[in-house]
C-alpha atoms as a PDB file:
ATOM      1  CA  MET A   1     -41.441  80.076  -7.932  1.00  0.00           C
ATOM      2  CA  GLU A   2     -41.438  76.329  -7.376  1.00  0.00           C
ATOM      3  CA  ASN A   3     -44.308  75.613  -9.772  1.00  0.00           C
ATOM      4  CA  GLN A   4     -43.143  77.922 -12.548  1.00  0.00           C
ATOM      5  CA  ILE A   5     -43.329  76.286 -15.967  1.00  0.00           C
ATOM      6  CA  LYS A   6     -39.829  75.777 -17.358  1.00  0.00           C
ATOM      7  CA  VAL A   7     -39.491  76.306 -21.117  1.00  0.00           C
ATOM      8  CA  LEU A   8     -36.616  75.353 -23.416  1.00  0.00           C
ATOM      9  CA  LEU A   9     -36.619  77.597 -26.504  1.00  0.00           C
ATOM     10  CA  VAL A  10     -34.320  76.504 -29.345  1.00  0.00           C
ATOM     11  CA  GLU A  11     -34.201  79.168 -32.066  1.00  0.00           C
ATOM     12  CA  ASP A  12     -31.229  80.190 -34.236  1.00  0.00           C
ATOM     13  CA  ASP A  13     -32.546  83.655 -35.154  1.00  0.00           C
ATOM     14  CA  PRO A  14     -31.030  85.829 -32.386  1.00  0.00           C
ATOM     15  CA  ASN A  15     -33.614  88.600 -32.714  1.00  0.00           C
ATOM     16  CA  LEU A  16     -36.654  86.325 -32.632  1.00  0.00           C
ATOM     17  CA  GLY A  17     -35.094  84.103 -29.978  1.00  0.00           C
ATOM     18  CA  THR A  18     -34.384  86.990 -27.612  1.00  0.00           C
ATOM     19  CA  LEU A  19     -37.799  88.543 -28.253  1.00  0.00           C
ATOM     20  CA  LEU A  20     -39.586  85.265 -27.521  1.00  0.00           C
ATOM     21  CA  LYS A  21     -37.508  84.560 -24.433  1.00  0.00           C
ATOM     22  CA  ASP A  22     -38.146  88.017 -22.960  1.00  0.00           C
ATOM     23  CA  TYR A  23     -41.870  87.766 -23.740  1.00  0.00           C
ATOM     24  CA  LEU A  24     -42.240  84.348 -22.094  1.00  0.00           C
ATOM     25  CA  ILE A  25     -40.269  85.440 -19.024  1.00  0.00           C
ATOM     26  CA  ALA A  26     -42.514  88.511 -18.741  1.00  0.00           C
ATOM     27  CA  LYS A  27     -45.528  86.158 -18.841  1.00  0.00           C
ATOM     28  CA  GLY A  28     -44.148  84.100 -15.955  1.00  0.00           C
ATOM     29  CA  TYR A  29     -42.408  81.237 -17.774  1.00  0.00           C
ATOM     30  CA  ALA A  30     -38.848  80.362 -16.741  1.00  0.00           C
ATOM     31  CA  THR A  31     -37.302  80.282 -20.224  1.00  0.00           C
ATOM     32  CA  GLU A  32     -33.863  79.246 -21.452  1.00  0.00           C
ATOM     33  CA  LEU A  33     -32.717  80.037 -25.008  1.00  0.00           C
ATOM     34  CA  ARG A  34     -30.371  77.881 -27.088  1.00  0.00           C
ATOM     35  CA  ILE A  35     -29.305  78.750 -30.653  1.00  0.00           C
ATOM     36  CA  ASN A  36     -28.917  75.355 -32.352  1.00  0.00           C
ATOM     37  CA  GLY A  37     -30.167  71.790 -32.059  1.00  0.00           C
ATOM     38  CA  GLN A  38     -27.052  70.424 -30.389  1.00  0.00           C
ATOM     39  CA  GLU A  39     -27.118  73.099 -27.690  1.00  0.00           C
ATOM     40  CA  GLY A  40     -30.822  72.353 -27.249  1.00  0.00           C
ATOM     41  CA  TYR A  41     -30.162  68.640 -26.780  1.00  0.00           C
ATOM     42  CA  ASP A  42     -27.355  69.280 -24.280  1.00  0.00           C
ATOM     43  CA  ALA A  43     -29.607  71.600 -22.263  1.00  0.00           C
ATOM     44  CA  PHE A  44     -32.475  69.096 -22.296  1.00  0.00           C
ATOM     45  CA  ILE A  45     -30.482  66.170 -20.899  1.00  0.00           C
ATOM     46  CA  LYS A  46     -28.937  68.312 -18.143  1.00  0.00           C
ATOM     47  CA  ASN A  47     -32.129  69.998 -16.911  1.00  0.00           C
ATOM     48  CA  GLU A  48     -35.839  69.425 -16.389  1.00  0.00           C
ATOM     49  CA  PHE A  49     -38.185  71.267 -18.748  1.00  0.00           C
ATOM     50  CA  ASP A  50     -41.983  71.346 -18.886  1.00  0.00           C
ATOM     51  CA  PHE A  51     -42.315  72.642 -22.449  1.00  0.00           C
ATOM     52  CA  LEU A  52     -40.171  72.769 -25.600  1.00  0.00           C
ATOM     53  CA  ILE A  53     -40.343  75.304 -28.446  1.00  0.00           C
ATOM     54  CA  LEU A  54     -38.164  74.166 -31.347  1.00  0.00           C
ATOM     55  CA  ASP A  55     -37.311  75.929 -34.584  1.00  0.00           C
ATOM     56  CA  VAL A  56     -37.243  73.456 -37.478  1.00  0.00           C
ATOM     57  CA  MET A  57     -34.467  74.931 -39.639  1.00  0.00           C
ATOM     58  CA  MET A  58     -31.320  75.230 -37.502  1.00  0.00           C
ATOM     59  CA  PRO A  59     -27.565  74.739 -37.933  1.00  0.00           C
ATOM     60  CA  ILE A  60     -25.602  71.746 -36.555  1.00  0.00           C
ATOM     61  CA  LYS A  61     -28.803  69.826 -35.763  1.00  0.00           C
ATOM     62  CA  ASP A  62     -32.266  70.657 -37.110  1.00  0.00           C
ATOM     63  CA  GLY A  63     -35.396  70.721 -35.019  1.00  0.00           C
ATOM     64  CA  LEU A  64     -36.878  67.511 -36.411  1.00  0.00           C
ATOM     65  CA  THR A  65     -33.734  65.538 -35.553  1.00  0.00           C
ATOM     66  CA  LEU A  66     -33.645  67.127 -32.111  1.00  0.00           C
ATOM     67  CA  ALA A  67     -37.293  66.245 -31.507  1.00  0.00           C
ATOM     68  CA  ARG A  68     -36.758  62.604 -32.468  1.00  0.00           C
ATOM     69  CA  GLU A  69     -33.761  62.337 -30.138  1.00  0.00           C
ATOM     70  CA  ILE A  70     -35.710  63.882 -27.264  1.00  0.00           C
ATOM     71  CA  ARG A  71     -38.678  61.594 -27.912  1.00  0.00           C
ATOM     72  CA  GLY A  72     -36.257  58.681 -27.572  1.00  0.00           C
ATOM     73  CA  ILE A  73     -35.719  59.550 -23.922  1.00  0.00           C
ATOM     74  CA  ASP A  74     -38.941  61.377 -23.018  1.00  0.00           C
ATOM     75  CA  LYS A  75     -42.207  60.437 -24.727  1.00  0.00           C
ATOM     76  CA  THR A  76     -44.387  62.980 -22.950  1.00  0.00           C
ATOM     77  CA  VAL A  77     -42.744  66.419 -22.673  1.00  0.00           C
ATOM     78  CA  PRO A  78     -44.917  68.888 -24.645  1.00  0.00           C
ATOM     79  CA  MET A  79     -43.337  70.170 -27.849  1.00  0.00           C
ATOM     80  CA  LEU A  80     -44.248  72.959 -30.281  1.00  0.00           C
ATOM     81  CA  PHE A  81     -42.457  73.597 -33.596  1.00  0.00           C
ATOM     82  CA  LEU A  82     -41.733  76.945 -35.228  1.00  0.00           C
ATOM     83  CA  THR A  83     -41.021  77.070 -38.946  1.00  0.00           C
ATOM     84  CA  ALA A  84     -40.869  79.441 -41.878  1.00  0.00           C
ATOM     85  CA  LYS A  85     -42.075  76.658 -44.172  1.00  0.00           C
ATOM     86  CA  THR A  86     -45.712  76.229 -45.121  1.00  0.00           C
ATOM     87  CA  MET A  87     -45.641  72.955 -47.063  1.00  0.00           C
ATOM     88  CA  LYS A  88     -47.968  70.246 -45.808  1.00  0.00           C
ATOM     89  CA  GLU A  89     -45.167  67.664 -45.858  1.00  0.00           C
ATOM     90  CA  ASP A  90     -43.148  69.707 -43.371  1.00  0.00           C
ATOM     91  CA  THR A  91     -46.098  69.902 -41.021  1.00  0.00           C
ATOM     92  CA  LEU A  92     -46.544  66.132 -41.204  1.00  0.00           C
ATOM     93  CA  ASP A  93     -42.814  65.635 -40.598  1.00  0.00           C
ATOM     94  CA  GLY A  94     -43.157  67.739 -37.460  1.00  0.00           C
ATOM     95  CA  PHE A  95     -46.009  65.689 -36.076  1.00  0.00           C
ATOM     96  CA  ASN A  96     -44.228  62.466 -36.996  1.00  0.00           C
ATOM     97  CA  ALA A  97     -41.207  63.692 -35.013  1.00  0.00           C
ATOM     98  CA  GLY A  98     -43.402  64.067 -31.931  1.00  0.00           C
ATOM     99  CA  ALA A  99     -44.768  67.616 -32.053  1.00  0.00           C
ATOM    100  CA  ASP A 100     -47.932  68.542 -30.153  1.00  0.00           C
ATOM    101  CA  ASP A 101     -48.482  71.615 -32.304  1.00  0.00           C
ATOM    102  CA  TYR A 102     -46.943  73.611 -35.136  1.00  0.00           C
ATOM    103  CA  MET A 103     -46.760  77.340 -35.887  1.00  0.00           C
ATOM    104  CA  THR A 104     -45.638  79.014 -39.100  1.00  0.00           C
ATOM    105  CA  LYS A 105     -43.629  82.260 -38.999  1.00  0.00           C
ATOM    106  CA  PRO A 106     -44.573  85.020 -38.740  1.00  0.00           C
ATOM    107  CA  PHE A 107     -46.938  84.566 -35.795  1.00  0.00           C
ATOM    108  CA  SER A 108     -48.253  86.676 -32.930  1.00  0.00           C
ATOM    109  CA  MET A 109     -46.863  86.236 -29.428  1.00  0.00           C
ATOM    110  CA  GLU A 110     -50.416  86.078 -28.079  1.00  0.00           C
ATOM    111  CA  GLU A 111     -51.280  83.152 -30.354  1.00  0.00           C
ATOM    112  CA  LEU A 112     -48.105  81.319 -29.331  1.00  0.00           C
ATOM    113  CA  LEU A 113     -49.010  81.739 -25.667  1.00  0.00           C
ATOM    114  CA  ALA A 114     -52.562  80.547 -26.286  1.00  0.00           C
ATOM    115  CA  ARG A 115     -51.288  77.433 -28.099  1.00  0.00           C
ATOM    116  CA  MET A 116     -48.812  76.714 -25.300  1.00  0.00           C
ATOM    117  CA  ASN A 117     -51.479  76.991 -22.625  1.00  0.00           C
ATOM    118  CA  ALA A 118     -53.823  74.721 -24.570  1.00  0.00           C
ATOM    119  CA  ILE A 119     -51.116  72.064 -24.903  1.00  0.00           C
ATOM    120  CA  LEU A 120     -50.164  72.329 -21.239  1.00  0.00           C
ATOM    121  CA  ARG A 121     -53.795  71.890 -20.179  1.00  0.00           C
ATOM    122  CA  ARG A 122     -54.015  68.722 -22.283  1.00  0.00           C
ATOM    123  CA  THR A 123     -50.710  67.248 -21.222  1.00  0.00           C
ATOM    124  CA  VAL A 124     -49.787  68.300 -17.702  1.00  0.00           C
ATOM    125  CA  GLY A 125     -52.821  70.170 -16.424  1.00  0.00           C
ATOM    126  CA  ASP A 126     -52.824  73.496 -14.652  1.00  0.00           C
ATOM    127  CA  GLY A 127     -51.184  72.265 -11.443  1.00  0.00           C
ATOM    128  CA  ALA A 128     -47.643  71.650 -10.358  1.00  0.00           C
ATOM    129  CA  ARG A 129     -45.259  69.407 -12.190  1.00  0.00           C
ATOM    130  CA  GLU A 130     -45.564  65.713 -11.510  1.00  0.00           C
ATOM    131  CA  GLU A 131     -41.872  64.940 -11.915  1.00  0.00           C
ATOM    132  CA  ASN A 132     -40.930  65.478  -8.266  1.00  0.00           C
ATOM    133  CA  SER A 133     -41.796  61.847  -7.585  1.00  0.00           C
ATOM    134  CA  TYR A 134     -42.812  58.656  -9.380  1.00  0.00           C
ATOM    135  CA  GLN A 135     -44.846  55.756  -8.032  1.00  0.00           C
ATOM    136  CA  VAL A 136     -42.944  52.644  -9.101  1.00  0.00           C
ATOM    137  CA  GLY A 137     -45.068  49.752  -7.914  1.00  0.00           C
ATOM    138  CA  LYS A 138     -44.730  49.770  -4.114  1.00  0.00           C
ATOM    139  CA  PHE A 139     -41.798  52.202  -4.330  1.00  0.00           C
ATOM    140  CA  LEU A 140     -41.858  55.979  -4.219  1.00  0.00           C
ATOM    141  CA  PHE A 141     -38.992  57.340  -6.324  1.00  0.00           C
ATOM    142  CA  LYS A 142     -37.863  60.927  -5.653  1.00  0.00           C
ATOM    143  CA  PRO A 143     -35.324  61.845  -8.343  1.00  0.00           C
ATOM    144  CA  LYS A 144     -34.490  65.277  -6.910  1.00  0.00           C
ATOM    145  CA  GLU A 145     -33.486  63.639  -3.622  1.00  0.00           C
ATOM    146  CA  ARG A 146     -32.043  60.529  -5.345  1.00  0.00           C
ATOM    147  CA  VAL A 147     -33.987  58.175  -3.072  1.00  0.00           C
ATOM    148  CA  LEU A 148     -36.243  55.125  -3.341  1.00  0.00           C
ATOM    149  CA  GLU A 149     -38.694  54.549  -0.519  1.00  0.00           C
ATOM    150  CA  ILE A 150     -40.621  51.379   0.289  1.00  0.00           C
ATOM    151  CA  GLU A 151     -42.430  50.401   3.492  1.00  0.00           C
ATOM    152  CA  GLY A 152     -40.509  52.881   5.611  1.00  0.00           C
ATOM    153  CA  GLU A 153     -37.109  51.948   4.162  1.00  0.00           C
ATOM    154  CA  THR A 154     -35.062  54.430   2.128  1.00  0.00           C
ATOM    155  CA  SER A 155     -32.315  53.649  -0.387  1.00  0.00           C
ATOM    156  CA  ARG A 156     -30.070  56.405  -1.743  1.00  0.00           C
ATOM    157  CA  LEU A 157     -29.167  56.104  -5.428  1.00  0.00           C
ATOM    158  CA  THR A 158     -25.969  57.104  -7.182  1.00  0.00           C
ATOM    159  CA  THR A 159     -26.243  59.871  -9.779  1.00  0.00           C
ATOM    160  CA  LYS A 160     -26.194  57.440 -12.716  1.00  0.00           C
ATOM    161  CA  GLU A 161     -28.659  55.056 -11.045  1.00  0.00           C
ATOM    162  CA  ASN A 162     -30.940  58.017 -10.426  1.00  0.00           C
ATOM    163  CA  ASP A 163     -30.695  59.399 -13.964  1.00  0.00           C
ATOM    164  CA  LEU A 164     -31.237  55.985 -15.523  1.00  0.00           C
ATOM    165  CA  LEU A 165     -34.249  55.171 -13.352  1.00  0.00           C
ATOM    166  CA  LYS A 166     -35.747  58.577 -14.142  1.00  0.00           C
ATOM    167  CA  LEU A 167     -35.522  57.831 -17.881  1.00  0.00           C
ATOM    168  CA  LEU A 168     -37.089  54.405 -17.338  1.00  0.00           C
ATOM    169  CA  CYS A 169     -39.933  56.010 -15.355  1.00  0.00           C
ATOM    170  CA  LYS A 170     -40.564  58.609 -18.055  1.00  0.00           C
ATOM    171  CA  ASN A 171     -40.919  55.732 -20.515  1.00  0.00           C
ATOM    172  CA  ALA A 172     -42.660  53.301 -18.133  1.00  0.00           C
ATOM    173  CA  ASN A 173     -44.255  50.357 -19.973  1.00  0.00           C
ATOM    174  CA  GLY A 174     -42.635  51.640 -23.170  1.00  0.00           C
ATOM    175  CA  VAL A 175     -39.183  51.070 -24.631  1.00  0.00           C
ATOM    176  CA  LEU A 176     -36.241  53.208 -23.545  1.00  0.00           C
ATOM    177  CA  GLU A 177     -33.885  53.062 -26.518  1.00  0.00           C
ATOM    178  CA  ARG A 178     -30.411  51.917 -25.493  1.00  0.00           C
ATOM    179  CA  ASN A 179     -28.465  54.519 -27.493  1.00  0.00           C
ATOM    180  CA  ASP A 180     -30.706  57.341 -26.315  1.00  0.00           C
ATOM    181  CA  ALA A 181     -30.187  56.350 -22.676  1.00  0.00           C
ATOM    182  CA  LEU A 182     -26.420  56.146 -23.171  1.00  0.00           C
ATOM    183  CA  LYS A 183     -26.251  59.604 -24.730  1.00  0.00           C
ATOM    184  CA  ALA A 184     -28.480  61.101 -22.039  1.00  0.00           C
ATOM    185  CA  VAL A 185     -26.720  59.600 -19.003  1.00  0.00           C
ATOM    186  CA  TRP A 186     -23.163  58.909 -20.211  1.00  0.00           C
ATOM    187  CA  GLY A 187     -22.898  61.431 -23.035  1.00  0.00           C
ATOM    188  CA  ASP A 188     -21.683  58.822 -25.539  1.00  0.00           C
ATOM    189  CA  ASP A 189     -23.040  55.502 -26.809  1.00  0.00           C
ATOM    190  CA  ASN A 190     -19.672  53.733 -27.147  1.00  0.00           C
ATOM    191  CA  TYR A 191     -19.036  50.076 -26.233  1.00  0.00           C
ATOM    192  CA  PHE A 192     -17.496  50.729 -22.820  1.00  0.00           C
ATOM    193  CA  ASN A 193     -20.323  52.996 -21.695  1.00  0.00           C
ATOM    194  CA  GLY A 194     -22.720  50.311 -22.888  1.00  0.00           C
ATOM    195  CA  ARG A 195     -21.092  47.757 -20.592  1.00  0.00           C
ATOM    196  CA  SER A 196     -21.241  50.271 -17.756  1.00  0.00           C
ATOM    197  CA  MET A 197     -24.955  50.828 -18.336  1.00  0.00           C
ATOM    198  CA  ASP A 198     -25.610  47.087 -18.143  1.00  0.00           C
ATOM    199  CA  VAL A 199     -23.991  47.110 -14.696  1.00  0.00           C
ATOM    200  CA  TYR A 200     -26.241  49.965 -13.577  1.00  0.00           C
ATOM    201  CA  ILE A 201     -29.334  48.223 -14.926  1.00  0.00           C
ATOM    202  CA  ALA A 202     -28.371  45.198 -12.781  1.00  0.00           C
ATOM    203  CA  LYS A 203     -27.990  47.515  -9.766  1.00  0.00           C
ATOM    204  CA  LEU A 204     -31.439  48.993 -10.355  1.00  0.00           C
ATOM    205  CA  ARG A 205     -32.962  45.522 -10.586  1.00  0.00           C
ATOM    206  CA  LYS A 206     -31.401  44.777  -7.199  1.00  0.00           C
ATOM    207  CA  HIS A 207     -32.881  47.951  -5.709  1.00  0.00           C
ATOM    208  CA  LEU A 208     -36.337  47.099  -7.074  1.00  0.00           C
ATOM    209  CA  ARG A 209     -36.491  43.412  -6.201  1.00  0.00           C
ATOM    210  CA  LYS A 210     -38.542  44.069  -3.037  1.00  0.00           C
ATOM    211  CA  ASP A 211     -41.537  44.439  -5.361  1.00  0.00           C
ATOM    212  CA  GLU A 212     -41.718  41.231  -7.396  1.00  0.00           C
ATOM    213  CA  LYS A 213     -44.280  42.711  -9.802  1.00  0.00           C
ATOM    214  CA  ILE A 214     -41.783  45.268 -11.147  1.00  0.00           C
ATOM    215  CA  GLU A 215     -39.423  44.223 -13.919  1.00  0.00           C
ATOM    216  CA  ILE A 216     -36.760  45.948 -16.003  1.00  0.00           C
ATOM    217  CA  MET A 217     -36.946  43.937 -19.225  1.00  0.00           C
ATOM    218  CA  ASN A 218     -34.286  43.669 -21.918  1.00  0.00           C
ATOM    219  CA  ILE A 219     -35.821  44.411 -25.325  1.00  0.00           C
ATOM    220  CA  HIS A 220     -33.512  42.663 -27.785  1.00  0.00           C
ATOM    221  CA  GLY A 221     -31.849  44.992 -30.262  1.00  0.00           C
ATOM    222  CA  ARG A 222     -33.508  48.087 -28.806  1.00  0.00           C
ATOM    223  CA  GLY A 223     -33.130  48.764 -25.109  1.00  0.00           C
ATOM    224  CA  PHE A 224     -35.072  48.367 -21.877  1.00  0.00           C
ATOM    225  CA  LYS A 225     -38.638  48.472 -20.614  1.00  0.00           C
ATOM    226  CA  LEU A 226     -39.644  49.268 -17.050  1.00  0.00           C
ATOM    227  CA  PHE A 227     -42.721  47.080 -16.647  1.00  0.00           C
ATOM    228  CA  LEU A 228     -45.174  48.416 -14.085  1.00  0.00           C
ATOM    229  CA  PRO A 229     -48.436  46.540 -13.510  1.00  0.00           C
ATOM    230  CA  ASP A 230     -51.628  48.574 -13.703  1.00  0.00           C
END
């Protein structure tokens, strides 16, 4: 189904993880399971997801760290935390890391589903995903087709141009952190990849110059901002 909600579940308990995955699939959610924070991050940057369910206590990379890294490249994807902890400080840490909601184990599957649906109604509505295209000033950007359209003209983007512009669109009028973009598109934030990214930013500016109101701004010491006028 084209409009099926895609869920990334990151849970290190194999029994709970499998149970949750099977339950969500049975309820009509396309669900992928990963067993630690690093696997979760790798899955997130390679695929599109509509909803994230993250365990807090995990090996290799914990859920709070994972959430902060994801929020660096996507400010809006809905996110729900699972934890065995009940301390107030942990709940606050979760919300500070970007969570939309928080559930303490043990919990009922029905309550989890109800929370998910409530978050989805608030954040993306009941309709289809909106990520198939972005309005970028006078341009229509279609990331799945890797094209930019303006006034009947179509430009095809390279894979890296496409991935970088998609991140900028997800963070439009906000800051896309340089290191987060490098890790998401290049897989590593080393010096040479950084120079490469600067070249691709210049290429994107060239693509977008037909709309003088659009600007990709350098934010000193942080990264880039795709400025779109209201």
